[in-house]
PDB file of N, CA and C in Angstrom:
ATOM      1  N   UNK A   1     109.068 -83.769-142.613  1.00  0.00           N
ATOM      2  CA  UNK A   1     108.661 -84.666-143.740  1.00  0.00           C
ATOM      3  C   UNK A   1     107.297 -83.844-144.473  1.00  0.00           C
ATOM      4  N   UNK A   2     106.665 -82.855-143.558  1.00  0.00           N
ATOM      5  CA  UNK A   2     105.635 -82.007-144.179  1.00  0.00           C
ATOM      6  C   UNK A   2     106.225 -81.632-145.630  1.00  0.00           C
ATOM      7  N   UNK A   3     105.110 -82.036-146.672  1.00  0.00           N
ATOM      8  CA  UNK A   3     105.521 -81.480-148.277  1.00  0.00           C
ATOM      9  C   UNK A   3     104.243 -82.099-149.300  1.00  0.00           C
ATOM     10  N   UNK A   4     104.831 -81.925-150.589  1.00  0.00           N
ATOM     11  CA  UNK A   4     104.223 -82.270-151.582  1.00  0.00           C
ATOM     12  C   UNK A   4     105.212 -83.503-152.184  1.00  0.00           C
ATOM     13  N   UNK A   5     104.582 -84.554-152.516  1.00  0.00           N
ATOM     14  CA  UNK A   5     105.328 -85.827-152.891  1.00  0.00           C
ATOM     15  C   UNK A   5     104.823 -86.328-154.333  1.00  0.00           C
ATOM     16  N   UNK A   6     106.202 -86.837-154.912  1.00  0.00           N
ATOM     17  CA  UNK A   6     105.359 -87.476-156.659  1.00  0.00           C
ATOM     18  C   UNK A   6     105.213 -88.641-156.256  1.00  0.00           C
ATOM     19  N   UNK A   7     104.402 -89.420-156.477  1.00  0.00           N
ATOM     20  CA  UNK A   7     104.213 -90.857-156.472  1.00  0.00           C
ATOM     21  C   UNK A   7     104.222 -91.610-158.069  1.00  0.00           C
ATOM     22  N   UNK A   8     105.302 -91.919-158.545  1.00  0.00           N
ATOM     23  CA  UNK A   8     105.718 -92.587-159.832  1.00  0.00           C
ATOM     24  C   UNK A   8     104.691 -93.896-160.088  1.00  0.00           C
ATOM     25  N   UNK A   9     104.549 -94.654-159.298  1.00  0.00           N
ATOM     26  CA  UNK A   9     103.795 -95.742-159.247  1.00  0.00           C
ATOM     27  C   UNK A   9     102.136 -95.621-159.548  1.00  0.00           C
ATOM     28  N   UNK A  10     101.680 -94.743-159.331  1.00  0.00           N
ATOM     29  CA  UNK A  10     100.211 -94.852-158.945  1.00  0.00           C
ATOM     30  C   UNK A  10      99.757 -93.378-160.013  1.00  0.00           C
ATOM     31  N   UNK A  11     100.096 -93.452-161.334  1.00  0.00           N
ATOM     32  CA  UNK A  11      99.113 -92.337-162.223  1.00  0.00           C
ATOM     33  C   UNK A  11      99.915 -90.998-161.939  1.00  0.00           C
ATOM     34  N   UNK A  12     101.412 -90.782-161.292  1.00  0.00           N
ATOM     35  CA  UNK A  12     101.940 -90.073-161.213  1.00  0.00           C
ATOM     36  C   UNK A  12     101.148 -88.728-160.420  1.00  0.00           C
ATOM     37  N   UNK A  13     100.458 -89.499-159.266  1.00  0.00           N
ATOM     38  CA  UNK A  13      99.746 -88.445-158.524  1.00  0.00           C
ATOM     39  C   UNK A  13     100.329 -87.844-157.796  1.00  0.00           C
ATOM     40  N   UNK A  14      99.713 -86.519-157.248  1.00  0.00           N
ATOM     41  CA  UNK A  14     100.384 -85.553-156.230  1.00  0.00           C
ATOM     42  C   UNK A  14      99.938 -85.930-154.739  1.00  0.00           C
ATOM     43  N   UNK A  15     100.971 -86.437-153.928  1.00  0.00           N
ATOM     44  CA  UNK A  15     100.478 -86.500-152.469  1.00  0.00           C
ATOM     45  C   UNK A  15     100.932 -85.408-151.440  1.00  0.00           C
ATOM     46  N   UNK A  16     100.017 -84.822-150.673  1.00  0.00           N
ATOM     47  CA  UNK A  16     100.331 -84.346-149.723  1.00  0.00           C
ATOM     48  C   UNK A  16     100.580 -84.645-148.219  1.00  0.00           C
ATOM     49  N   UNK A  17     101.726 -84.637-147.677  1.00  0.00           N
ATOM     50  CA  UNK A  17     102.014 -84.961-146.273  1.00  0.00           C
ATOM     51  C   UNK A  17     101.881 -83.929-145.424  1.00  0.00           C
ATOM     52  N   UNK A  18     100.957 -83.977-144.371  1.00  0.00           N
ATOM     53  CA  UNK A  18     101.290 -82.801-143.481  1.00  0.00           C
ATOM     54  C   UNK A  18     100.999 -83.536-141.658  1.00  0.00           C
ATOM     55  N   UNK A  19     101.831 -82.998-141.029  1.00  0.00           N
ATOM     56  CA  UNK A  19     101.953 -83.174-139.833  1.00  0.00           C
ATOM     57  C   UNK A  19     100.576 -82.932-138.949  1.00  0.00           C
ATOM     58  N   UNK A  20     100.226 -84.022-138.389  1.00  0.00           N
ATOM     59  CA  UNK A  20      98.863 -83.719-137.316  1.00  0.00           C
ATOM     60  C   UNK A  20      99.739 -83.495-136.031  1.00  0.00           C
ATOM     61  N   UNK A  21      98.868 -83.090-134.944  1.00  0.00           N
ATOM     62  CA  UNK A  21      99.617 -82.465-133.833  1.00  0.00           C
ATOM     63  C   UNK A  21      98.671 -83.260-132.556  1.00  0.00           C
ATOM     64  N   UNK A  22      99.191 -83.836-131.821  1.00  0.00           N
ATOM     65  CA  UNK A  22      98.788 -84.693-130.657  1.00  0.00           C
ATOM     66  C   UNK A  22      98.066 -83.752-129.650  1.00  0.00           C
ATOM     67  N   UNK A  23      97.019 -84.016-129.113  1.00  0.00           N
ATOM     68  CA  UNK A  23      96.197 -83.126-127.881  1.00  0.00           C
ATOM     69  C   UNK A  23      95.667 -84.071-127.205  1.00  0.00           C
ATOM     70  N   UNK A  24      95.904 -84.031-126.005  1.00  0.00           N
ATOM     71  CA  UNK A  24      95.500 -85.160-124.780  1.00  0.00           C
ATOM     72  C   UNK A  24      95.031 -86.377-125.284  1.00  0.00           C
ATOM     73  N   UNK A  25      95.876 -86.878-126.219  1.00  0.00           N
ATOM     74  CA  UNK A  25      95.528 -88.600-126.667  1.00  0.00           C
ATOM     75  C   UNK A  25      95.050 -88.479-128.063  1.00  0.00           C
ATOM     76  N   UNK A  26      94.224 -87.399-128.484  1.00  0.00           N
ATOM     77  CA  UNK A  26      93.613 -87.105-129.435  1.00  0.00           C
ATOM     78  C   UNK A  26      94.444 -86.566-130.903  1.00  0.00           C
ATOM     79  N   UNK A  27      94.189 -86.631-132.072  1.00  0.00           N
ATOM     80  CA  UNK A  27      94.796 -86.071-132.995  1.00  0.00           C
ATOM     81  C   UNK A  27      93.940 -84.914-133.716  1.00  0.00           C
ATOM     82  N   UNK A  28      94.755 -83.433-133.898  1.00  0.00           N
ATOM     83  CA  UNK A  28      93.960 -82.575-134.382  1.00  0.00           C
ATOM     84  C   UNK A  28      94.778 -81.636-134.942  1.00  0.00           C
ATOM     85  N   UNK A  29      94.435 -80.320-135.149  1.00  0.00           N
ATOM     86  CA  UNK A  29      95.289 -79.614-135.038  1.00  0.00           C
ATOM     87  C   UNK A  29      95.403 -78.352-134.282  1.00  0.00           C
ATOM     88  N   UNK A  30      96.375 -79.076-133.245  1.00  0.00           N
ATOM     89  CA  UNK A  30      96.313 -78.596-131.563  1.00  0.00           C
ATOM     90  C   UNK A  30      97.711 -78.093-131.271  1.00  0.00           C
ATOM     91  N   UNK A  31      97.923 -78.476-130.464  1.00  0.00           N
ATOM     92  CA  UNK A  31      99.621 -78.632-129.825  1.00  0.00           C
ATOM     93  C   UNK A  31     100.641 -79.298-130.358  1.00  0.00           C
ATOM     94  N   UNK A  32     101.273 -78.939-130.572  1.00  0.00           N
ATOM     95  CA  UNK A  32     102.359 -79.626-131.737  1.00  0.00           C
ATOM     96  C   UNK A  32     103.111 -80.780-130.504  1.00  0.00           C
ATOM     97  N   UNK A  33     103.548 -81.513-131.040  1.00  0.00           N
ATOM     98  CA  UNK A  33     104.259 -82.878-130.347  1.00  0.00           C
ATOM     99  C   UNK A  33     105.474 -82.332-130.017  1.00  0.00           C
ATOM    100  N   UNK A  34     106.282 -82.972-128.991  1.00  0.00           N
ATOM    101  CA  UNK A  34     107.828 -82.323-128.676  1.00  0.00           C
ATOM    102  C   UNK A  34     108.545 -83.111-129.353  1.00  0.00           C
ATOM    103  N   UNK A  35     108.673 -84.072-130.185  1.00  0.00           N
ATOM    104  CA  UNK A  35     109.483 -84.841-131.142  1.00  0.00           C
ATOM    105  C   UNK A  35     108.451 -85.703-132.196  1.00  0.00           C
ATOM    106  N   UNK A  36     109.925 -85.895-132.869  1.00  0.00           N
ATOM    107  CA  UNK A  36     108.824 -86.892-133.871  1.00  0.00           C
ATOM    108  C   UNK A  36     108.668 -88.108-133.628  1.00  0.00           C
ATOM    109  N   UNK A  37     108.808 -88.933-132.168  1.00  0.00           N
ATOM    110  CA  UNK A  37     108.418 -90.222-131.793  1.00  0.00           C
ATOM    111  C   UNK A  37     106.999 -89.867-131.375  1.00  0.00           C
ATOM    112  N   UNK A  38     106.759 -89.088-131.338  1.00  0.00           N
ATOM    113  CA  UNK A  38     105.145 -88.776-130.886  1.00  0.00           C
ATOM    114  C   UNK A  38     104.403 -88.423-132.377  1.00  0.00           C
ATOM    115  N   UNK A  39     104.966 -88.175-133.409  1.00  0.00           N
ATOM    116  CA  UNK A  39     104.275 -87.351-134.509  1.00  0.00           C
ATOM    117  C   UNK A  39     103.449 -88.388-135.155  1.00  0.00           C
ATOM    118  N   UNK A  40     102.285 -87.829-135.642  1.00  0.00           N
ATOM    119  CA  UNK A  40     101.235 -88.257-136.805  1.00  0.00           C
ATOM    120  C   UNK A  40     100.950 -87.278-137.937  1.00  0.00           C
ATOM    121  N   UNK A  41     101.157 -87.847-138.961  1.00  0.00           N
ATOM    122  CA  UNK A  41     101.012 -87.715-140.204  1.00  0.00           C
ATOM    123  C   UNK A  41      99.717 -87.931-140.896  1.00  0.00           C
ATOM    124  N   UNK A  42      98.898 -86.722-141.690  1.00  0.00           N
ATOM    125  CA  UNK A  42      97.828 -87.458-142.751  1.00  0.00           C
ATOM    126  C   UNK A  42      98.434 -87.085-144.061  1.00  0.00           C
ATOM    127  N   UNK A  43      97.766 -88.212-144.967  1.00  0.00           N
ATOM    128  CA  UNK A  43      98.469 -88.312-146.325  1.00  0.00           C
ATOM    129  C   UNK A  43      97.027 -87.934-147.003  1.00  0.00           C
ATOM    130  N   UNK A  44      97.219 -86.876-147.838  1.00  0.00           N
ATOM    131  CA  UNK A  44      96.132 -86.441-149.033  1.00  0.00           C
ATOM    132  C   UNK A  44      96.837 -86.841-150.141  1.00  0.00           C
ATOM    133  N   UNK A  45      95.821 -87.894-150.709  1.00  0.00           N
ATOM    134  CA  UNK A  45      96.289 -88.086-152.345  1.00  0.00           C
ATOM    135  C   UNK A  45      94.963 -88.054-153.152  1.00  0.00           C
ATOM    136  N   UNK A  46      95.316 -88.444-154.308  1.00  0.00           N
ATOM    137  CA  UNK A  46      94.478 -88.481-155.376  1.00  0.00           C
ATOM    138  C   UNK A  46      94.309 -89.647-156.335  1.00  0.00           C
ATOM    139  N   UNK A  47      93.420 -90.313-156.617  1.00  0.00           N
ATOM    140  CA  UNK A  47      93.943 -91.555-157.549  1.00  0.00           C
ATOM    141  C   UNK A  47      94.142 -91.120-158.827  1.00  0.00           C
ATOM    142  N   UNK A  48      95.104 -91.976-159.351  1.00  0.00           N
ATOM    143  CA  UNK A  48      95.896 -91.573-160.651  1.00  0.00           C
ATOM    144  C   UNK A  48      95.406 -91.945-162.025  1.00  0.00           C
ATOM    145  N   UNK A  49      95.697 -92.070-162.702  1.00  0.00           N
ATOM    146  CA  UNK A  49      95.028 -92.256-164.035  1.00  0.00           C
ATOM    147  C   UNK A  49      95.135 -94.020-164.445  1.00  0.00           C
ATOM    148  N   UNK A  50      95.664 -94.685-163.514  1.00  0.00           N
ATOM    149  CA  UNK A  50      95.841 -95.801-163.732  1.00  0.00           C
ATOM    150  C   UNK A  50      94.739 -96.681-162.672  1.00  0.00           C
ATOM    151  N   UNK A  51      93.817 -95.929-161.895  1.00  0.00           N
ATOM    152  CA  UNK A  51      93.092 -95.944-161.214  1.00  0.00           C
ATOM    153  C   UNK A  51      91.643 -95.719-161.385  1.00  0.00           C
ATOM    154  N   UNK A  52      91.296 -95.916-162.831  1.00  0.00           N
ATOM    155  CA  UNK A  52      90.249 -95.215-163.256  1.00  0.00           C
ATOM    156  C   UNK A  52      88.889 -96.457-162.846  1.00  0.00           C
ATOM    157  N   UNK A  53      87.660 -96.368-162.493  1.00  0.00           N
ATOM    158  CA  UNK A  53      87.066 -95.106-162.939  1.00  0.00           C
ATOM    159  C   UNK A  53      87.351 -93.939-161.595  1.00  0.00           C
ATOM    160  N   UNK A  54      88.205 -94.016-160.514  1.00  0.00           N
ATOM    161  CA  UNK A  54      88.074 -92.964-159.730  1.00  0.00           C
ATOM    162  C   UNK A  54      89.163 -92.371-159.814  1.00  0.00           C
ATOM    163  N   UNK A  55      89.578 -92.237-160.942  1.00  0.00           N
ATOM    164  CA  UNK A  55      90.632 -91.099-161.238  1.00  0.00           C
ATOM    165  C   UNK A  55      90.196 -89.535-160.783  1.00  0.00           C
ATOM    166  N   UNK A  56      91.091 -88.937-160.522  1.00  0.00           N
ATOM    167  CA  UNK A  56      91.090 -87.602-159.404  1.00  0.00           C
ATOM    168  C   UNK A  56      90.223 -87.582-158.324  1.00  0.00           C
ATOM    169  N   UNK A  57      89.653 -88.356-157.816  1.00  0.00           N
ATOM    170  CA  UNK A  57      89.166 -89.042-156.529  1.00  0.00           C
ATOM    171  C   UNK A  57      89.978 -88.694-155.425  1.00  0.00           C
ATOM    172  N   UNK A  58      89.405 -88.017-154.326  1.00  0.00           N
ATOM    173  CA  UNK A  58      90.681 -88.142-153.252  1.00  0.00           C
ATOM    174  C   UNK A  58      90.219 -88.982-152.234  1.00  0.00           C
ATOM    175  N   UNK A  59      91.371 -89.370-151.546  1.00  0.00           N
ATOM    176  CA  UNK A  59      91.632 -90.324-150.588  1.00  0.00           C
ATOM    177  C   UNK A  59      92.499 -90.073-149.373  1.00  0.00           C
ATOM    178  N   UNK A  60      92.581 -90.938-148.178  1.00  0.00           N
ATOM    179  CA  UNK A  60      93.590 -90.143-147.208  1.00  0.00           C
ATOM    180  C   UNK A  60      94.066 -91.204-146.566  1.00  0.00           C
ATOM    181  N   UNK A  61      95.213 -91.245-145.835  1.00  0.00           N
ATOM    182  CA  UNK A  61      95.893 -92.102-145.063  1.00  0.00           C
ATOM    183  C   UNK A  61      96.322 -91.621-143.888  1.00  0.00           C
ATOM    184  N   UNK A  62      97.149 -92.514-142.806  1.00  0.00           N
ATOM    185  CA  UNK A  62      97.472 -91.806-141.667  1.00  0.00           C
ATOM    186  C   UNK A  62      98.858 -92.362-141.399  1.00  0.00           C
ATOM    187  N   UNK A  63      99.953 -91.864-141.486  1.00  0.00           N
ATOM    188  CA  UNK A  63     101.453 -92.186-140.869  1.00  0.00           C
ATOM    189  C   UNK A  63     101.642 -92.293-139.350  1.00  0.00           C
ATOM    190  N   UNK A  64     102.097 -92.994-138.725  1.00  0.00           N
ATOM    191  CA  UNK A  64     102.642 -92.717-137.433  1.00  0.00           C
ATOM    192  C   UNK A  64     103.701 -93.368-137.899  1.00  0.00           C
ATOM    193  N   UNK A  65     104.931 -92.300-136.914  1.00  0.00           N
ATOM    194  CA  UNK A  65     106.036 -92.565-136.458  1.00  0.00           C
ATOM    195  C   UNK A  65     106.244 -93.903-135.705  1.00  0.00           C
ATOM    196  N   UNK A  66     106.974 -94.870-136.114  1.00  0.00           N
ATOM    197  CA  UNK A  66     107.371 -96.074-134.955  1.00  0.00           C
ATOM    198  C   UNK A  66     108.456 -95.661-134.710  1.00  0.00           C
ATOM    199  N   UNK A  67     109.545 -95.231-135.213  1.00  0.00           N
ATOM    200  CA  UNK A  67     110.925 -95.271-134.702  1.00  0.00           C
ATOM    201  C   UNK A  67     111.640 -94.102-135.345  1.00  0.00           C
ATOM    202  N   UNK A  68     112.653 -93.192-134.740  1.00  0.00           N
ATOM    203  CA  UNK A  68     113.775 -92.733-135.456  1.00  0.00           C
ATOM    204  C   UNK A  68     115.238 -93.126-134.769  1.00  0.00           C
ATOM    205  N   UNK A  69     115.873 -93.469-136.061  1.00  0.00           N
ATOM    206  CA  UNK A  69     116.825 -93.803-136.141  1.00  0.00           C
ATOM    207  C   UNK A  69     117.977 -92.456-135.815  1.00  0.00           C
ATOM    208  N   UNK A  70     118.956 -92.701-135.252  1.00  0.00           N
ATOM    209  CA  UNK A  70     120.181 -91.730-135.050  1.00  0.00           C
ATOM    210  C   UNK A  70     120.241 -90.888-136.012  1.00  0.00           C
ATOM    211  N   UNK A  71     120.240 -91.681-137.570  1.00  0.00           N
ATOM    212  CA  UNK A  71     120.731 -90.746-138.569  1.00  0.00           C
ATOM    213  C   UNK A  71     119.363 -89.640-139.124  1.00  0.00           C
ATOM    214  N   UNK A  72     118.125 -89.675-138.284  1.00  0.00           N
ATOM    215  CA  UNK A  72     117.232 -89.159-138.440  1.00  0.00           C
ATOM    216  C   UNK A  72     116.194 -90.095-139.336  1.00  0.00           C
ATOM    217  N   UNK A  73     116.260 -90.882-139.628  1.00  0.00           N
ATOM    218  CA  UNK A  73     115.578 -91.464-140.629  1.00  0.00           C
ATOM    219  C   UNK A  73     114.335 -92.206-139.591  1.00  0.00           C
ATOM    220  N   UNK A  74     113.049 -91.793-140.158  1.00  0.00           N
ATOM    221  CA  UNK A  74     112.003 -92.003-139.774  1.00  0.00           C
ATOM    222  C   UNK A  74     111.163 -93.296-140.083  1.00  0.00           C
ATOM    223  N   UNK A  75     110.735 -94.153-139.241  1.00  0.00           N
ATOM    224  CA  UNK A  75     110.668 -95.479-139.410  1.00  0.00           C
ATOM    225  C   UNK A  75     108.729 -95.220-139.581  1.00  0.00           C
ATOM    226  N   UNK A  76     107.987 -95.838-140.253  1.00  0.00           N
ATOM    227  CA  UNK A  76     106.558 -95.229-140.262  1.00  0.00           C
ATOM    228  C   UNK A  76     105.584 -96.705-140.229  1.00  0.00           C
ATOM    229  N   UNK A  77     104.390 -96.398-139.773  1.00  0.00           N
ATOM    230  CA  UNK A  77     103.270 -97.444-140.019  1.00  0.00           C
ATOM    231  C   UNK A  77     101.906 -96.694-140.824  1.00  0.00           C
ATOM    232  N   UNK A  78     101.892 -97.169-141.511  1.00  0.00           N
ATOM    233  CA  UNK A  78     100.632 -96.324-142.590  1.00  0.00           C
ATOM    234  C   UNK A  78      99.692 -97.079-142.540  1.00  0.00           C
ATOM    235  N   UNK A  79      98.080 -96.670-142.592  1.00  0.00           N
ATOM    236  CA  UNK A  79      97.169 -96.984-142.393  1.00  0.00           C
ATOM    237  C   UNK A  79      96.167 -96.666-143.473  1.00  0.00           C
ATOM    238  N   UNK A  80      95.992 -97.363-144.583  1.00  0.00           N
ATOM    239  CA  UNK A  80      95.105 -96.606-145.538  1.00  0.00           C
ATOM    240  C   UNK A  80      93.739 -97.006-145.624  1.00  0.00           C
ATOM    241  N   UNK A  81      93.362 -96.888-144.321  1.00  0.00           N
ATOM    242  CA  UNK A  81      91.781 -96.944-144.072  1.00  0.00           C
ATOM    243  C   UNK A  81      90.851 -95.815-145.119  1.00  0.00           C
ATOM    244  N   UNK A  82      91.665 -94.767-145.220  1.00  0.00           N
ATOM    245  CA  UNK A  82      90.895 -93.493-146.299  1.00  0.00           C
ATOM    246  C   UNK A  82      90.845 -93.745-147.477  1.00  0.00           C
ATOM    247  N   UNK A  83      91.442 -94.943-148.303  1.00  0.00           N
ATOM    248  CA  UNK A  83      91.562 -95.477-149.461  1.00  0.00           C
ATOM    249  C   UNK A  83      90.741 -96.690-149.375  1.00  0.00           C
ATOM    250  N   UNK A  84      89.899 -96.303-149.556  1.00  0.00           N
ATOM    251  CA  UNK A  84      88.949 -98.063-150.058  1.00  0.00           C
ATOM    252  C   UNK A  84      89.380 -98.761-150.962  1.00  0.00           C
ATOM    253  N   UNK A  85      89.707 -98.417-152.164  1.00  0.00           N
ATOM    254  CA  UNK A  85      90.513 -99.315-153.324  1.00  0.00           C
ATOM    255  C   UNK A  85      91.530-100.078-152.758  1.00  0.00           C
ATOM    256  N   UNK A  86      92.029 -99.446-151.825  1.00  0.00           N
ATOM    257  CA  UNK A  86      93.704-100.425-151.734  1.00  0.00           C
ATOM    258  C   UNK A  86      93.555-101.827-150.978  1.00  0.00           C
ATOM    259  N   UNK A  87      94.426-102.581-151.712  1.00  0.00           N
ATOM    260  CA  UNK A  87      93.884-104.296-151.233  1.00  0.00           C
ATOM    261  C   UNK A  87      94.410-104.391-150.008  1.00  0.00           C
ATOM    262  N   UNK A  88      95.755-103.752-150.008  1.00  0.00           N
ATOM    263  CA  UNK A  88      96.340-103.861-148.471  1.00  0.00           C
ATOM    264  C   UNK A  88      95.937-102.681-147.584  1.00  0.00           C
ATOM    265  N   UNK A  89      95.556-102.819-146.147  1.00  0.00           N
ATOM    266  CA  UNK A  89      95.482-101.521-145.701  1.00  0.00           C
ATOM    267  C   UNK A  89      96.478-100.903-145.242  1.00  0.00           C
ATOM    268  N   UNK A  90      97.412-101.782-144.394  1.00  0.00           N
ATOM    269  CA  UNK A  90      98.717-101.404-143.770  1.00  0.00           C
ATOM    270  C   UNK A  90      99.792-101.570-144.408  1.00  0.00           C
ATOM    271  N   UNK A  91     100.732-100.672-144.704  1.00  0.00           N
ATOM    272  CA  UNK A  91     102.054-100.513-145.108  1.00  0.00           C
ATOM    273  C   UNK A  91     103.042 -99.991-144.146  1.00  0.00           C
ATOM    274  N   UNK A  92     104.357-100.377-144.256  1.00  0.00           N
ATOM    275  CA  UNK A  92     105.319 -99.663-143.586  1.00  0.00           C
ATOM    276  C   UNK A  92     106.306 -99.091-144.646  1.00  0.00           C
ATOM    277  N   UNK A  93     106.783 -97.855-144.081  1.00  0.00           N
ATOM    278  CA  UNK A  93     107.666 -96.987-145.368  1.00  0.00           C
ATOM    279  C   UNK A  93     108.993 -96.394-144.113  1.00  0.00           C
ATOM    280  N   UNK A  94     109.630 -96.000-144.802  1.00  0.00           N
ATOM    281  CA  UNK A  94     111.004 -94.967-144.006  1.00  0.00           C
ATOM    282  C   UNK A  94     110.829 -93.643-144.339  1.00  0.00           C
ATOM    283  N   UNK A  95     111.393 -93.074-143.923  1.00  0.00           N
ATOM    284  CA  UNK A  95     111.738 -91.043-144.574  1.00  0.00           C
ATOM    285  C   UNK A  95     112.693 -91.163-144.247  1.00  0.00           C
ATOM    286  N   UNK A  96     113.809 -90.833-145.325  1.00  0.00           N
ATOM    287  CA  UNK A  96     115.111 -90.736-145.630  1.00  0.00           C
ATOM    288  C   UNK A  96     115.361 -89.874-146.733  1.00  0.00           C
ATOM    289  N   UNK A  97     116.313 -88.497-146.661  1.00  0.00           N
ATOM    290  CA  UNK A  97     116.901 -87.882-147.757  1.00  0.00           C
ATOM    291  C   UNK A  97     115.657 -87.283-148.943  1.00  0.00           C
ATOM    292  N   UNK A  98     114.596 -87.030-148.326  1.00  0.00           N
ATOM    293  CA  UNK A  98     113.672 -86.206-148.818  1.00  0.00           C
ATOM    294  C   UNK A  98     112.817 -87.140-149.467  1.00  0.00           C
ATOM    295  N   UNK A  99     112.732 -88.426-149.361  1.00  0.00           N
ATOM    296  CA  UNK A  99     111.907 -89.810-149.857  1.00  0.00           C
ATOM    297  C   UNK A  99     111.321 -90.284-148.734  1.00  0.00           C
ATOM    298  N   UNK A 100     110.435 -91.037-149.464  1.00  0.00           N
ATOM    299  CA  UNK A 100     109.379 -91.970-148.429  1.00  0.00           C
ATOM    300  C   UNK A 100     109.729 -93.526-149.053  1.00  0.00           C
ATOM    301  N   UNK A 101     110.321 -94.203-148.548  1.00  0.00           N
ATOM    302  CA  UNK A 101     110.590 -95.452-149.208  1.00  0.00           C
ATOM    303  C   UNK A 101     109.596 -96.345-148.511  1.00  0.00           C
ATOM    304  N   UNK A 102     108.729 -96.688-149.719  1.00  0.00           N
ATOM    305  CA  UNK A 102     107.899 -97.983-148.952  1.00  0.00           C
ATOM    306  C   UNK A 102     108.350 -99.253-149.296  1.00  0.00           C
ATOM    307  N   UNK A 103     107.285-100.428-148.187  1.00  0.00           N
ATOM    308  CA  UNK A 103     107.381-101.674-148.421  1.00  0.00           C
ATOM    309  C   UNK A 103     107.332-102.634-149.578  1.00  0.00           C
ATOM    310  N   UNK A 104     106.526-101.723-150.517  1.00  0.00           N
ATOM    311  CA  UNK A 104     106.000-102.265-151.724  1.00  0.00           C
ATOM    312  C   UNK A 104     106.998-102.277-153.028  1.00  0.00           C
ATOM    313  N   UNK A 105     108.106-101.390-152.410  1.00  0.00           N
ATOM    314  CA  UNK A 105     108.738-100.913-153.371  1.00  0.00           C
ATOM    315  C   UNK A 105     108.939 -99.320-154.042  1.00  0.00           C
ATOM    316  N   UNK A 106     107.861 -99.017-153.687  1.00  0.00           N
ATOM    317  CA  UNK A 106     107.697 -97.598-154.249  1.00  0.00           C
ATOM    318  C   UNK A 106     108.401 -96.853-153.614  1.00  0.00           C
ATOM    319  N   UNK A 107     108.537 -95.416-154.232  1.00  0.00           N
ATOM    320  CA  UNK A 107     109.610 -94.349-153.640  1.00  0.00           C
ATOM    321  C   UNK A 107     109.021 -93.068-153.827  1.00  0.00           C
ATOM    322  N   UNK A 108     108.307 -92.244-152.847  1.00  0.00           N
ATOM    323  CA  UNK A 108     108.000 -91.043-153.287  1.00  0.00           C
ATOM    324  C   UNK A 108     108.647 -89.872-153.185  1.00  0.00           C
ATOM    325  N   UNK A 109     109.089 -89.143-153.881  1.00  0.00           N
ATOM    326  CA  UNK A 109     109.528 -87.742-153.806  1.00  0.00           C
ATOM    327  C   UNK A 109     109.480 -86.545-153.460  1.00  0.00           C
ATOM    328  N   UNK A 110     109.996 -86.052-152.733  1.00  0.00           N
ATOM    329  CA  UNK A 110     109.912 -84.676-152.085  1.00  0.00           C
ATOM    330  C   UNK A 110     109.730 -83.582-152.778  1.00  0.00           C
ATOM    331  N   UNK A 111     108.997 -82.827-153.511  1.00  0.00           N
ATOM    332  CA  UNK A 111     109.104 -81.857-154.542  1.00  0.00           C
ATOM    333  C   UNK A 111     109.507 -80.471-153.801  1.00  0.00           C
ATOM    334  N   UNK A 112     110.149 -79.947-154.531  1.00  0.00           N
ATOM    335  CA  UNK A 112     110.401 -78.699-154.068  1.00  0.00           C
ATOM    336  C   UNK A 112     109.215 -77.658-154.470  1.00  0.00           C
ATOM    337  N   UNK A 113     108.933 -76.676-153.535  1.00  0.00           N
ATOM    338  CA  UNK A 113     107.985 -75.913-153.907  1.00  0.00           C
ATOM    339  C   UNK A 113     108.036 -74.686-153.125  1.00  0.00           C
ATOM    340  N   UNK A 114     107.825 -73.474-154.174  1.00  0.00           N
ATOM    341  CA  UNK A 114     107.758 -72.037-153.586  1.00  0.00           C
ATOM    342  C   UNK A 114     106.512 -71.484-153.028  1.00  0.00           C
ATOM    343  N   UNK A 115     106.448 -71.065-151.676  1.00  0.00           N
ATOM    344  CA  UNK A 115     104.966 -70.741-151.734  1.00  0.00           C
ATOM    345  C   UNK A 115     104.102 -69.684-152.566  1.00  0.00           C
ATOM    346  N   UNK A 116     104.900 -69.155-153.859  1.00  0.00           N
ATOM    347  CA  UNK A 116     104.198 -68.418-154.628  1.00  0.00           C
ATOM    348  C   UNK A 116     103.292 -69.344-155.728  1.00  0.00           C
ATOM    349  N   UNK A 117     103.957 -70.655-155.758  1.00  0.00           N
ATOM    350  CA  UNK A 117     103.423 -71.444-156.460  1.00  0.00           C
ATOM    351  C   UNK A 117     101.859 -72.111-156.046  1.00  0.00           C
ATOM    352  N   UNK A 118     101.852 -72.056-154.633  1.00  0.00           N
ATOM    353  CA  UNK A 118     100.349 -72.606-154.133  1.00  0.00           C
ATOM    354  C   UNK A 118      99.365 -71.281-153.931  1.00  0.00           C
ATOM    355  N   UNK A 119      99.402 -70.356-154.640  1.00  0.00           N
ATOM    356  CA  UNK A 119      98.397 -69.072-154.568  1.00  0.00           C
ATOM    357  C   UNK A 119      97.548 -69.300-155.941  1.00  0.00           C
TER     358      UNK A 119
END
């Protein structure tokens, strides 16, 4: 699920999802989790042009994997505490086939990125 996503509903903002690692009951950039059931992800976003006057401002959220289906679908609980302008703090989502499907109907599409584009 790590990667960059396009958010079509909120100013076409870029979203970065990166896996966090479990370390003795805390979360940081340490020891990797053994499976996706224990995984936590950080979302780093930017306010889009539909969220003026905060356009271009950074926000964060935290995703926790609640369940993994036999087909690999991840069910997520997402805490938007790091996005103070959001009226709903908690949303659920599912990750399947390079897309994050949100409980509010939005769908983020994972972008194809070559490492040379990030230099």
